[in-house]
N, C-alpha and C. Protein backbone atom coordinates (compact mmCIF):
# COMPACT_ATOMS: atom_id res chain seq x y z
N MET A 1 -21.16 -31.17 8.18
CA MET A 1 -21.05 -29.86 8.84
C MET A 1 -19.91 -29.91 9.86
N ILE A 2 -19.16 -28.81 9.91
CA ILE A 2 -18.05 -28.72 10.84
C ILE A 2 -18.38 -27.71 11.93
N ALA A 3 -18.28 -28.14 13.16
CA ALA A 3 -18.50 -27.24 14.29
C ALA A 3 -17.22 -26.44 14.53
N LEU A 4 -17.27 -25.13 14.34
CA LEU A 4 -16.09 -24.29 14.48
C LEU A 4 -15.78 -24.01 15.95
N PRO A 5 -14.50 -23.80 16.27
CA PRO A 5 -14.13 -23.45 17.65
C PRO A 5 -14.80 -22.16 18.08
N SER A 6 -14.98 -21.99 19.37
CA SER A 6 -15.68 -20.81 19.88
C SER A 6 -14.92 -19.51 19.62
N ASP A 7 -13.60 -19.60 19.43
CA ASP A 7 -12.81 -18.39 19.21
C ASP A 7 -12.53 -18.14 17.73
N TYR A 8 -13.28 -18.79 16.84
CA TYR A 8 -12.99 -18.71 15.40
C TYR A 8 -12.99 -17.27 14.89
N ASN A 9 -13.99 -16.47 15.26
CA ASN A 9 -14.11 -15.10 14.74
C ASN A 9 -12.97 -14.19 15.21
N GLN A 10 -12.38 -14.49 16.37
CA GLN A 10 -11.32 -13.65 16.91
C GLN A 10 -9.93 -14.19 16.56
N ALA A 11 -9.85 -15.37 15.99
CA ALA A 11 -8.55 -16.00 15.74
C ALA A 11 -7.80 -15.30 14.61
N ALA A 12 -6.46 -15.34 14.71
CA ALA A 12 -5.62 -14.80 13.64
C ALA A 12 -5.77 -15.66 12.40
N ALA A 13 -5.68 -15.03 11.22
CA ALA A 13 -5.80 -15.74 9.95
C ALA A 13 -4.49 -15.66 9.20
N TYR A 14 -4.02 -16.78 8.67
CA TYR A 14 -2.79 -16.81 7.89
C TYR A 14 -3.14 -17.03 6.43
N ASP A 15 -2.64 -16.16 5.57
CA ASP A 15 -3.01 -16.21 4.16
C ASP A 15 -1.88 -16.71 3.27
N GLY A 16 -0.82 -17.24 3.88
CA GLY A 16 0.28 -17.78 3.09
C GLY A 16 1.29 -16.75 2.65
N SER A 17 1.16 -15.50 3.07
CA SER A 17 2.08 -14.45 2.64
C SER A 17 3.28 -14.31 3.57
N GLY A 18 3.37 -15.16 4.56
CA GLY A 18 4.51 -15.12 5.46
C GLY A 18 4.24 -14.44 6.77
N GLY A 19 3.02 -14.01 7.02
CA GLY A 19 2.70 -13.35 8.27
C GLY A 19 1.23 -13.42 8.58
N PRO A 20 0.86 -13.18 9.82
CA PRO A 20 -0.56 -13.22 10.21
C PRO A 20 -1.33 -12.05 9.64
N LYS A 21 -2.57 -12.27 9.35
CA LYS A 21 -3.44 -11.22 8.84
C LYS A 21 -4.13 -10.54 10.01
N LEU A 22 -3.97 -9.25 10.11
CA LEU A 22 -4.57 -8.47 11.18
C LEU A 22 -6.08 -8.55 11.10
N VAL A 23 -6.74 -8.64 12.24
CA VAL A 23 -8.19 -8.71 12.28
C VAL A 23 -8.74 -7.41 12.87
N PRO A 24 -9.94 -6.99 12.47
CA PRO A 24 -10.55 -5.78 13.03
C PRO A 24 -10.68 -5.88 14.54
N GLY A 25 -10.55 -4.75 15.21
CA GLY A 25 -10.67 -4.72 16.66
C GLY A 25 -9.96 -3.53 17.25
N GLY A 26 -9.76 -3.56 18.55
CA GLY A 26 -9.06 -2.49 19.25
C GLY A 26 -7.68 -2.95 19.68
N TYR A 27 -6.67 -2.11 19.46
CA TYR A 27 -5.30 -2.48 19.76
C TYR A 27 -4.59 -1.36 20.52
N ILE A 28 -3.70 -1.75 21.42
CA ILE A 28 -2.84 -0.79 22.10
C ILE A 28 -1.57 -0.65 21.25
N CYS A 29 -1.29 0.57 20.83
CA CYS A 29 -0.19 0.83 19.91
C CYS A 29 0.81 1.80 20.52
N LYS A 30 2.04 1.75 20.01
CA LYS A 30 3.08 2.68 20.42
C LYS A 30 3.46 3.54 19.22
N ILE A 31 3.53 4.85 19.45
CA ILE A 31 3.88 5.78 18.39
C ILE A 31 5.38 5.68 18.11
N ALA A 32 5.74 5.40 16.87
CA ALA A 32 7.14 5.25 16.47
C ALA A 32 7.71 6.55 15.94
N GLY A 33 6.85 7.46 15.55
CA GLY A 33 7.29 8.75 15.02
C GLY A 33 6.08 9.61 14.71
N ALA A 34 6.28 10.91 14.66
CA ALA A 34 5.19 11.84 14.35
C ALA A 34 5.75 13.05 13.64
N ARG A 35 4.96 13.61 12.75
CA ARG A 35 5.37 14.83 12.06
C ARG A 35 4.13 15.59 11.60
N CYS A 36 4.31 16.88 11.39
CA CYS A 36 3.24 17.73 10.85
C CYS A 36 3.53 17.96 9.38
N GLU A 37 2.55 17.72 8.54
CA GLU A 37 2.71 17.87 7.10
C GLU A 37 1.79 18.98 6.58
N LYS A 38 2.30 19.74 5.62
CA LYS A 38 1.48 20.71 4.90
C LYS A 38 1.12 20.10 3.55
N VAL A 39 -0.17 20.09 3.24
CA VAL A 39 -0.64 19.48 2.00
C VAL A 39 -1.59 20.44 1.29
N ASN A 40 -1.70 20.27 0.00
CA ASN A 40 -2.66 21.03 -0.79
C ASN A 40 -3.90 20.17 -1.02
N THR A 41 -5.06 20.72 -0.77
CA THR A 41 -6.31 20.00 -0.95
C THR A 41 -7.21 20.82 -1.87
N LYS A 42 -8.34 20.25 -2.22
CA LYS A 42 -9.28 20.97 -3.08
C LYS A 42 -9.85 22.20 -2.38
N ASN A 43 -9.71 22.24 -1.05
CA ASN A 43 -10.17 23.38 -0.28
C ASN A 43 -9.04 24.34 0.08
N GLY A 44 -7.85 24.09 -0.47
CA GLY A 44 -6.71 24.95 -0.19
C GLY A 44 -5.67 24.26 0.66
N PRO A 45 -4.64 24.98 1.10
CA PRO A 45 -3.59 24.39 1.94
C PRO A 45 -4.15 23.90 3.26
N ALA A 46 -3.57 22.84 3.78
CA ALA A 46 -4.01 22.28 5.06
C ALA A 46 -2.83 21.63 5.75
N GLN A 47 -2.96 21.46 7.07
CA GLN A 47 -1.95 20.79 7.87
C GLN A 47 -2.54 19.55 8.51
N LYS A 48 -1.74 18.53 8.63
CA LYS A 48 -2.20 17.34 9.31
C LYS A 48 -1.07 16.73 10.14
N LEU A 49 -1.45 16.10 11.23
CA LEU A 49 -0.52 15.37 12.07
C LEU A 49 -0.47 13.94 11.57
N VAL A 50 0.72 13.45 11.26
CA VAL A 50 0.90 12.09 10.76
C VAL A 50 1.63 11.27 11.81
N LEU A 51 1.04 10.14 12.19
CA LEU A 51 1.65 9.23 13.15
C LEU A 51 2.08 7.95 12.47
N ALA A 52 3.25 7.47 12.83
CA ALA A 52 3.65 6.10 12.48
C ALA A 52 3.60 5.31 13.78
N PHE A 53 3.06 4.11 13.74
CA PHE A 53 2.88 3.35 14.97
C PHE A 53 3.07 1.86 14.71
N ASP A 54 3.20 1.12 15.80
CA ASP A 54 3.15 -0.33 15.72
C ASP A 54 2.30 -0.83 16.88
N ILE A 55 1.79 -2.02 16.75
CA ILE A 55 1.00 -2.61 17.83
C ILE A 55 1.95 -3.01 18.94
N ALA A 56 1.62 -2.64 20.17
CA ALA A 56 2.53 -2.80 21.31
C ALA A 56 2.24 -4.02 22.17
N GLU A 57 1.02 -4.51 22.16
CA GLU A 57 0.65 -5.60 23.06
C GLU A 57 -0.21 -6.63 22.34
N GLY A 58 -0.24 -7.84 22.90
CA GLY A 58 -1.10 -8.88 22.36
C GLY A 58 -0.43 -9.72 21.28
N GLU A 59 -1.23 -10.58 20.66
CA GLU A 59 -0.68 -11.51 19.68
C GLU A 59 -0.16 -10.84 18.42
N PHE A 60 -0.58 -9.61 18.16
CA PHE A 60 -0.12 -8.90 16.98
C PHE A 60 0.95 -7.86 17.29
N ALA A 61 1.54 -7.93 18.48
CA ALA A 61 2.61 -7.00 18.85
C ALA A 61 3.73 -7.06 17.81
N GLY A 62 4.19 -5.89 17.37
CA GLY A 62 5.26 -5.83 16.38
C GLY A 62 4.82 -6.17 14.98
N HIS A 63 3.52 -6.14 14.72
CA HIS A 63 2.96 -6.56 13.43
C HIS A 63 3.54 -5.75 12.26
N PHE A 64 3.56 -4.44 12.39
CA PHE A 64 3.98 -3.61 11.26
C PHE A 64 5.50 -3.63 11.06
N ASP A 65 6.24 -3.81 12.14
CA ASP A 65 7.69 -3.96 12.01
C ASP A 65 8.02 -5.25 11.26
N ALA A 66 7.34 -6.34 11.62
CA ALA A 66 7.57 -7.62 10.93
C ALA A 66 7.15 -7.52 9.47
N GLN A 67 6.04 -6.84 9.21
CA GLN A 67 5.55 -6.66 7.84
C GLN A 67 6.56 -5.85 7.02
N PHE A 68 7.12 -4.81 7.64
CA PHE A 68 8.10 -3.95 6.96
C PHE A 68 9.36 -4.74 6.62
N LYS A 69 9.81 -5.57 7.56
CA LYS A 69 11.01 -6.36 7.33
C LYS A 69 10.80 -7.37 6.20
N ARG A 70 9.62 -7.99 6.15
CA ARG A 70 9.33 -8.92 5.06
C ARG A 70 9.31 -8.20 3.72
N ALA A 71 8.75 -6.98 3.72
CA ALA A 71 8.69 -6.20 2.48
C ALA A 71 10.09 -5.81 2.02
N LYS A 72 10.98 -5.48 2.97
CA LYS A 72 12.35 -5.11 2.62
C LYS A 72 13.10 -6.29 2.01
N GLU A 73 12.80 -7.50 2.48
CA GLU A 73 13.46 -8.68 1.93
C GLU A 73 13.08 -8.87 0.46
N LYS A 74 11.86 -8.50 0.11
CA LYS A 74 11.39 -8.64 -1.27
C LYS A 74 11.81 -7.46 -2.14
N ASP A 75 11.79 -6.25 -1.56
CA ASP A 75 12.10 -5.05 -2.33
C ASP A 75 12.61 -3.98 -1.36
N ALA A 76 13.92 -3.96 -1.16
CA ALA A 76 14.50 -3.07 -0.15
C ALA A 76 14.18 -1.61 -0.40
N SER A 77 14.16 -1.18 -1.66
CA SER A 77 13.94 0.23 -1.96
C SER A 77 12.45 0.60 -1.99
N GLY A 78 11.60 -0.37 -2.18
CA GLY A 78 10.18 -0.08 -2.29
C GLY A 78 9.37 -0.40 -1.05
N ALA A 79 10.02 -0.87 0.02
CA ALA A 79 9.30 -1.23 1.23
C ALA A 79 8.73 0.01 1.92
N LYS A 80 7.49 -0.08 2.36
CA LYS A 80 6.82 1.03 3.03
C LYS A 80 6.34 0.60 4.41
N TRP A 81 6.37 1.54 5.34
CA TRP A 81 5.83 1.29 6.68
C TRP A 81 4.32 1.49 6.63
N ARG A 82 3.56 0.44 6.91
CA ARG A 82 2.10 0.49 6.74
C ARG A 82 1.32 0.92 7.97
N GLY A 83 1.99 1.00 9.11
CA GLY A 83 1.28 1.42 10.32
C GLY A 83 1.29 2.93 10.45
N THR A 84 0.46 3.60 9.68
CA THR A 84 0.40 5.06 9.71
C THR A 84 -1.04 5.55 9.85
N TYR A 85 -1.16 6.76 10.36
CA TYR A 85 -2.47 7.29 10.71
C TYR A 85 -2.37 8.80 10.76
N ASP A 86 -3.28 9.53 10.13
CA ASP A 86 -3.13 10.97 10.14
C ASP A 86 -4.46 11.68 10.35
N CYS A 87 -4.35 12.94 10.77
CA CYS A 87 -5.55 13.73 11.09
C CYS A 87 -5.30 15.18 10.76
N PHE A 88 -6.24 15.80 10.04
CA PHE A 88 -6.14 17.23 9.74
C PHE A 88 -6.36 18.04 11.01
N LEU A 89 -5.58 19.12 11.16
CA LEU A 89 -5.66 19.94 12.36
C LEU A 89 -6.91 20.81 12.39
N LEU A 90 -7.35 21.28 11.22
CA LEU A 90 -8.46 22.22 11.16
C LEU A 90 -9.59 21.69 10.28
N THR A 91 -10.77 22.20 10.51
CA THR A 91 -11.90 21.93 9.63
C THR A 91 -11.79 22.86 8.42
N ASN A 92 -12.66 22.66 7.47
CA ASN A 92 -12.66 23.52 6.28
C ASN A 92 -12.97 24.98 6.63
N GLU A 93 -13.60 25.19 7.79
CA GLU A 93 -13.94 26.55 8.22
C GLU A 93 -12.82 27.19 9.03
N GLY A 94 -11.72 26.46 9.26
CA GLY A 94 -10.59 27.02 9.98
C GLY A 94 -10.63 26.84 11.48
N ALA A 95 -11.59 26.08 11.99
CA ALA A 95 -11.67 25.80 13.42
C ALA A 95 -10.92 24.50 13.73
N THR A 96 -10.65 24.27 15.01
CA THR A 96 -9.98 23.03 15.40
C THR A 96 -10.82 21.83 15.01
N ASN A 97 -10.22 20.90 14.31
CA ASN A 97 -10.90 19.66 13.95
C ASN A 97 -11.18 18.88 15.23
N PRO A 98 -12.44 18.60 15.58
CA PRO A 98 -12.74 17.89 16.81
C PRO A 98 -12.10 16.51 16.88
N PHE A 99 -11.85 15.90 15.74
CA PHE A 99 -11.21 14.59 15.75
C PHE A 99 -9.72 14.71 16.08
N PHE A 100 -9.11 15.82 15.69
CA PHE A 100 -7.73 16.09 16.09
C PHE A 100 -7.67 16.30 17.60
N LYS A 101 -8.58 17.10 18.12
CA LYS A 101 -8.64 17.32 19.58
C LYS A 101 -8.88 16.00 20.30
N GLY A 102 -9.71 15.13 19.72
CA GLY A 102 -9.96 13.83 20.32
C GLY A 102 -8.72 12.95 20.34
N LEU A 103 -7.95 12.98 19.26
CA LEU A 103 -6.72 12.20 19.19
C LEU A 103 -5.74 12.64 20.26
N ILE A 104 -5.54 13.94 20.38
CA ILE A 104 -4.62 14.48 21.38
C ILE A 104 -5.08 14.11 22.78
N THR A 105 -6.38 14.20 23.02
CA THR A 105 -6.94 13.85 24.32
C THR A 105 -6.69 12.39 24.64
N CYS A 106 -6.84 11.51 23.65
CA CYS A 106 -6.60 10.08 23.86
C CYS A 106 -5.14 9.80 24.19
N ILE A 107 -4.22 10.50 23.53
CA ILE A 107 -2.80 10.32 23.83
C ILE A 107 -2.51 10.79 25.25
N ASP A 108 -3.08 11.93 25.64
CA ASP A 108 -2.89 12.44 27.00
C ASP A 108 -3.37 11.42 28.03
N LYS A 109 -4.59 10.91 27.85
CA LYS A 109 -5.17 9.97 28.81
C LYS A 109 -4.37 8.67 28.88
N SER A 110 -3.78 8.30 27.76
CA SER A 110 -3.05 7.03 27.69
C SER A 110 -1.66 7.11 28.30
N ASN A 111 -1.18 8.34 28.55
CA ASN A 111 0.20 8.50 29.00
C ASN A 111 0.33 9.46 30.17
N GLU A 112 -0.70 9.54 31.00
CA GLU A 112 -0.68 10.46 32.14
C GLU A 112 0.56 10.21 33.00
N PRO A 113 1.22 11.28 33.50
CA PRO A 113 0.81 12.69 33.47
C PRO A 113 1.30 13.46 32.24
N PHE A 114 1.76 12.77 31.21
CA PHE A 114 2.23 13.45 30.00
C PHE A 114 1.12 14.28 29.38
N GLN A 115 1.50 15.45 28.85
CA GLN A 115 0.56 16.32 28.15
C GLN A 115 1.15 16.66 26.78
N CYS A 116 0.37 16.44 25.72
CA CYS A 116 0.83 16.74 24.37
C CYS A 116 1.05 18.23 24.15
N VAL A 117 0.13 19.04 24.65
CA VAL A 117 0.17 20.48 24.43
C VAL A 117 0.72 21.17 25.67
N VAL A 118 1.80 21.91 25.48
CA VAL A 118 2.43 22.66 26.57
C VAL A 118 2.61 24.10 26.11
N GLY A 119 2.07 25.03 26.88
CA GLY A 119 2.20 26.43 26.52
C GLY A 119 1.57 26.77 25.19
N GLY A 120 0.49 26.08 24.85
CA GLY A 120 -0.20 26.34 23.60
C GLY A 120 0.50 25.79 22.37
N GLN A 121 1.53 24.95 22.57
CA GLN A 121 2.29 24.38 21.46
C GLN A 121 2.27 22.85 21.53
N LEU A 122 2.27 22.22 20.36
CA LEU A 122 2.39 20.76 20.27
C LEU A 122 3.71 20.43 19.60
N ASN A 123 4.63 19.83 20.35
CA ASN A 123 5.90 19.37 19.79
C ASN A 123 5.73 17.91 19.41
N GLU A 124 5.52 17.67 18.11
CA GLU A 124 5.22 16.31 17.67
C GLU A 124 6.34 15.33 17.96
N ALA A 125 7.57 15.82 18.09
CA ALA A 125 8.70 14.92 18.39
C ALA A 125 8.52 14.24 19.74
N ASN A 126 7.80 14.90 20.67
CA ASN A 126 7.58 14.33 22.00
C ASN A 126 6.58 13.18 22.01
N LEU A 127 5.91 12.95 20.89
CA LEU A 127 4.92 11.88 20.84
C LEU A 127 5.56 10.50 20.63
N LYS A 128 6.81 10.49 20.17
CA LYS A 128 7.49 9.22 19.94
C LYS A 128 7.60 8.42 21.23
N GLY A 129 7.22 7.15 21.16
CA GLY A 129 7.27 6.27 22.32
C GLY A 129 6.02 6.27 23.17
N LYS A 130 5.08 7.16 22.88
CA LYS A 130 3.85 7.23 23.66
C LYS A 130 2.85 6.19 23.16
N LEU A 131 1.97 5.75 24.08
CA LEU A 131 0.95 4.76 23.75
C LEU A 131 -0.33 5.43 23.28
N ILE A 132 -1.08 4.73 22.46
CA ILE A 132 -2.39 5.19 21.98
C ILE A 132 -3.24 3.98 21.65
N GLY A 133 -4.51 4.05 21.94
CA GLY A 133 -5.43 3.00 21.53
C GLY A 133 -6.00 3.31 20.16
N LEU A 134 -6.05 2.32 19.29
CA LEU A 134 -6.58 2.51 17.94
C LEU A 134 -7.57 1.41 17.61
N LEU A 135 -8.66 1.82 16.94
CA LEU A 135 -9.62 0.86 16.43
C LEU A 135 -9.31 0.59 14.96
N PHE A 136 -9.39 -0.67 14.57
CA PHE A 136 -9.10 -1.08 13.20
C PHE A 136 -10.36 -1.67 12.56
N ARG A 137 -10.53 -1.37 11.28
CA ARG A 137 -11.65 -1.91 10.54
C ARG A 137 -11.16 -2.47 9.21
N GLU A 138 -12.01 -3.26 8.60
CA GLU A 138 -11.70 -3.77 7.26
C GLU A 138 -12.11 -2.73 6.23
N GLU A 139 -11.24 -2.48 5.25
CA GLU A 139 -11.53 -1.50 4.20
C GLU A 139 -11.27 -2.10 2.83
N GLU A 140 -12.14 -1.76 1.91
CA GLU A 140 -11.95 -2.18 0.52
C GLU A 140 -11.14 -1.13 -0.23
N TYR A 141 -10.32 -1.59 -1.17
CA TYR A 141 -9.57 -0.66 -2.01
C TYR A 141 -9.29 -1.32 -3.35
N ILE A 142 -8.96 -0.49 -4.32
CA ILE A 142 -8.62 -0.98 -5.65
C ILE A 142 -7.10 -1.06 -5.78
N GLY A 143 -6.59 -2.23 -6.11
CA GLY A 143 -5.16 -2.41 -6.25
C GLY A 143 -4.60 -1.59 -7.40
N SER A 144 -3.48 -0.91 -7.15
CA SER A 144 -2.88 -0.07 -8.18
C SER A 144 -2.24 -0.88 -9.30
N SER A 145 -1.87 -2.13 -9.00
CA SER A 145 -1.18 -2.93 -10.01
C SER A 145 -2.13 -3.78 -10.84
N ASP A 146 -3.24 -4.22 -10.23
CA ASP A 146 -4.15 -5.10 -10.97
C ASP A 146 -5.53 -4.52 -11.19
N GLY A 147 -5.85 -3.38 -10.58
CA GLY A 147 -7.16 -2.76 -10.75
C GLY A 147 -8.30 -3.54 -10.13
N LYS A 148 -7.98 -4.51 -9.29
CA LYS A 148 -9.02 -5.34 -8.67
C LYS A 148 -9.29 -4.89 -7.24
N LYS A 149 -10.45 -5.30 -6.75
CA LYS A 149 -10.85 -4.94 -5.39
C LYS A 149 -10.16 -5.86 -4.38
N HIS A 150 -9.61 -5.27 -3.34
CA HIS A 150 -8.96 -6.00 -2.27
C HIS A 150 -9.48 -5.47 -0.94
N THR A 151 -9.10 -6.12 0.14
CA THR A 151 -9.44 -5.65 1.48
C THR A 151 -8.18 -5.59 2.34
N ALA A 152 -8.19 -4.66 3.27
CA ALA A 152 -7.09 -4.52 4.22
C ALA A 152 -7.68 -4.07 5.55
N VAL A 153 -6.99 -4.35 6.62
CA VAL A 153 -7.42 -3.93 7.95
C VAL A 153 -6.58 -2.74 8.38
N LYS A 154 -7.24 -1.59 8.61
CA LYS A 154 -6.52 -0.35 8.88
C LYS A 154 -7.13 0.40 10.07
N ALA A 155 -6.28 1.23 10.69
CA ALA A 155 -6.74 2.04 11.82
C ALA A 155 -7.74 3.09 11.34
N CYS A 156 -8.78 3.30 12.12
CA CYS A 156 -9.81 4.25 11.70
C CYS A 156 -10.28 5.18 12.81
N ALA A 157 -9.89 4.96 14.05
CA ALA A 157 -10.34 5.83 15.13
C ALA A 157 -9.43 5.67 16.34
N ALA A 158 -9.26 6.76 17.09
CA ALA A 158 -8.41 6.76 18.27
C ALA A 158 -9.25 6.59 19.53
N ARG A 159 -8.67 5.86 20.48
CA ARG A 159 -9.26 5.68 21.79
C ARG A 159 -8.13 5.72 22.82
N SER A 160 -8.46 5.84 24.07
CA SER A 160 -7.44 5.77 25.10
C SER A 160 -7.04 4.31 25.31
N VAL A 161 -5.85 4.11 25.82
CA VAL A 161 -5.38 2.76 26.12
C VAL A 161 -6.31 2.08 27.11
N GLN A 162 -6.79 2.85 28.10
CA GLN A 162 -7.69 2.28 29.10
C GLN A 162 -8.97 1.74 28.46
N THR A 163 -9.50 2.47 27.48
CA THR A 163 -10.72 2.02 26.80
C THR A 163 -10.49 0.69 26.09
N ILE A 164 -9.33 0.53 25.46
CA ILE A 164 -9.03 -0.72 24.76
C ILE A 164 -8.87 -1.85 25.75
N ARG A 165 -8.13 -1.62 26.83
CA ARG A 165 -7.90 -2.68 27.82
C ARG A 165 -9.19 -3.12 28.48
N GLU A 166 -10.11 -2.20 28.67
CA GLU A 166 -11.39 -2.54 29.29
C GLU A 166 -12.37 -3.15 28.30
N GLY A 167 -12.03 -3.12 27.02
CA GLY A 167 -12.93 -3.66 26.00
C GLY A 167 -14.17 -2.82 25.82
N ASN A 168 -14.08 -1.54 26.17
CA ASN A 168 -15.23 -0.65 26.11
C ASN A 168 -15.33 0.02 24.73
N PHE A 169 -15.49 -0.78 23.69
CA PHE A 169 -15.58 -0.26 22.33
C PHE A 169 -16.30 -1.28 21.46
N GLU A 170 -16.76 -0.81 20.32
CA GLU A 170 -17.36 -1.69 19.32
C GLU A 170 -16.45 -1.75 18.11
N ILE A 171 -16.34 -2.92 17.52
CA ILE A 171 -15.53 -3.06 16.32
C ILE A 171 -16.21 -2.29 15.18
N PRO A 172 -15.49 -1.38 14.53
CA PRO A 172 -16.11 -0.57 13.46
C PRO A 172 -16.60 -1.42 12.30
N GLU A 173 -17.66 -0.96 11.66
CA GLU A 173 -18.17 -1.62 10.47
C GLU A 173 -17.17 -1.48 9.33
N PRO A 174 -17.12 -2.43 8.40
CA PRO A 174 -16.21 -2.33 7.26
C PRO A 174 -16.49 -1.08 6.43
N LYS A 175 -15.45 -0.53 5.84
CA LYS A 175 -15.58 0.59 4.92
C LYS A 175 -15.55 0.03 3.50
N LEU A 176 -16.69 0.11 2.83
CA LEU A 176 -16.83 -0.48 1.50
C LEU A 176 -16.68 0.57 0.41
N LEU A 177 -16.18 0.14 -0.71
CA LEU A 177 -16.07 1.04 -1.86
C LEU A 177 -17.45 1.41 -2.35
N GLN A 178 -17.56 2.61 -2.89
CA GLN A 178 -18.82 3.06 -3.46
C GLN A 178 -18.62 3.39 -4.93
N GLY A 179 -19.61 3.13 -5.73
CA GLY A 179 -19.54 3.46 -7.15
C GLY A 179 -18.39 2.75 -7.82
N ASN A 180 -17.51 3.53 -8.44
CA ASN A 180 -16.39 2.95 -9.18
C ASN A 180 -15.14 2.78 -8.33
N GLY A 181 -15.29 2.91 -7.01
CA GLY A 181 -14.14 2.69 -6.15
C GLY A 181 -13.61 3.98 -5.56
N GLY A 182 -14.01 5.10 -6.12
CA GLY A 182 -13.67 6.39 -5.53
C GLY A 182 -12.18 6.62 -5.39
N GLY A 183 -11.63 6.22 -4.27
CA GLY A 183 -10.23 6.46 -4.00
C GLY A 183 -10.09 7.31 -2.76
N ARG A 184 -8.85 7.45 -2.29
CA ARG A 184 -8.58 8.20 -1.07
C ARG A 184 -8.16 9.61 -1.42
N GLY A 185 -9.10 10.55 -1.44
CA GLY A 185 -8.77 11.92 -1.77
C GLY A 185 -7.91 12.56 -0.70
N ALA A 186 -7.13 13.55 -1.10
CA ALA A 186 -6.25 14.22 -0.15
C ALA A 186 -6.97 15.31 0.62
N ALA A 187 -8.14 15.70 0.16
CA ALA A 187 -8.85 16.81 0.80
C ALA A 187 -9.41 16.39 2.15
N PRO A 188 -9.44 17.32 3.11
CA PRO A 188 -10.03 17.01 4.41
C PRO A 188 -11.48 16.57 4.26
N SER A 189 -11.81 15.52 4.93
CA SER A 189 -13.19 15.04 4.92
C SER A 189 -13.61 14.88 6.36
N PHE A 190 -14.56 15.66 6.80
CA PHE A 190 -14.92 15.66 8.20
C PHE A 190 -16.25 14.98 8.44
N LYS A 191 -16.43 13.87 7.74
CA LYS A 191 -17.63 13.07 7.96
C LYS A 191 -17.43 12.20 9.18
N PRO A 192 -18.41 12.14 10.09
CA PRO A 192 -18.27 11.32 11.28
C PRO A 192 -17.89 9.88 10.98
N ALA A 193 -18.43 9.34 9.89
CA ALA A 193 -18.15 7.93 9.57
C ALA A 193 -16.68 7.70 9.28
N ASP A 194 -15.98 8.73 8.82
CA ASP A 194 -14.56 8.59 8.51
C ASP A 194 -13.67 9.04 9.66
N ALA A 195 -14.28 9.55 10.71
CA ALA A 195 -13.56 9.99 11.91
C ALA A 195 -12.50 11.04 11.62
N GLY A 196 -12.59 11.73 10.48
CA GLY A 196 -11.64 12.79 10.20
C GLY A 196 -10.25 12.31 9.86
N PHE A 197 -10.07 11.01 9.64
CA PHE A 197 -8.76 10.46 9.40
C PHE A 197 -8.67 9.82 8.03
N THR A 198 -7.47 9.84 7.46
CA THR A 198 -7.20 9.11 6.24
C THR A 198 -5.92 8.33 6.41
N GLN A 199 -5.82 7.21 5.75
CA GLN A 199 -4.62 6.39 5.83
C GLN A 199 -3.55 6.91 4.89
N ILE A 200 -2.31 6.94 5.36
CA ILE A 200 -1.17 7.32 4.53
C ILE A 200 -0.48 6.05 4.08
N ASP A 201 -0.42 5.81 2.79
CA ASP A 201 0.12 4.55 2.29
C ASP A 201 1.58 4.62 1.87
N ASP A 202 2.17 5.81 1.79
CA ASP A 202 3.51 5.90 1.23
C ASP A 202 4.53 6.53 2.16
N ASP A 203 4.24 6.56 3.45
CA ASP A 203 5.21 7.08 4.39
C ASP A 203 6.09 5.96 4.94
N GLU A 204 7.38 6.26 5.13
CA GLU A 204 8.30 5.28 5.64
C GLU A 204 8.84 5.72 6.99
N LEU A 205 9.40 4.80 7.74
CA LEU A 205 10.15 5.10 8.94
C LEU A 205 11.64 5.08 8.60
N PRO A 206 12.50 5.77 9.37
CA PRO A 206 12.09 6.63 10.47
C PRO A 206 11.63 8.00 9.97
N PHE A 207 10.90 8.70 10.78
CA PHE A 207 10.48 10.06 10.43
C PHE A 207 11.70 10.97 10.52
C-alpha cells in the first residue's frame, strides 16, 4: 500500500499531452473577449452572451493560452480557443434569464466600481480585460473522431472573484452522459443543474 501525499486530490495531473490537466474547482479568470450571438434554437431565435477567458491566477494561470499555442503547433488552421463560456439572455418565456443576470452581477462585483450595464445598455466590448470567478467541473462527452466517451474539465457557473479567493464555494459534481450520450443541444436549457450555460467548442480568439 502506498500512502498518498495530503495534497494528492488537489494536485495538477499530467497526462503526457504536453500540458497540465485542469482539475475541477474555482478559478479567477480574465475575460479575453466578449460578443453577443444570435442563434436559432428549437424554441426559435435567441441571443446569448459569449465570453472567451483564460485563468488569471494560480498554478493554472494562462492555461488556455498555452493549450491554444500547443494546438496551433499541431494544426495551425484547426486550433480552437477552449476557454469559452456562454449564457442565453432570455428564458423561453422572454424574461431575463436569471443566470445571465447572475453572470453580470458577478462581473460587476469582481471589478468594482465598473458596471456592465450603463443607461440600460450592455456594451460587451467593455468586458474585455475584466475579472470573473468561474467554477469548473468534470464533464463527459462523446469524441467526434472516435465515438468514445471522454472527460474534460469545463466552466459551469459564475461567481465573484471575492467568492473564489475566500474559498466560499463547493466544487460542482461531475456532469455525466445520460442514455446514448445526448449531446450539447443549441436550444436554451434553463435547468438549475446546468446553470443556464453551455460550452462553446468552436469559437476562436480574437473576437
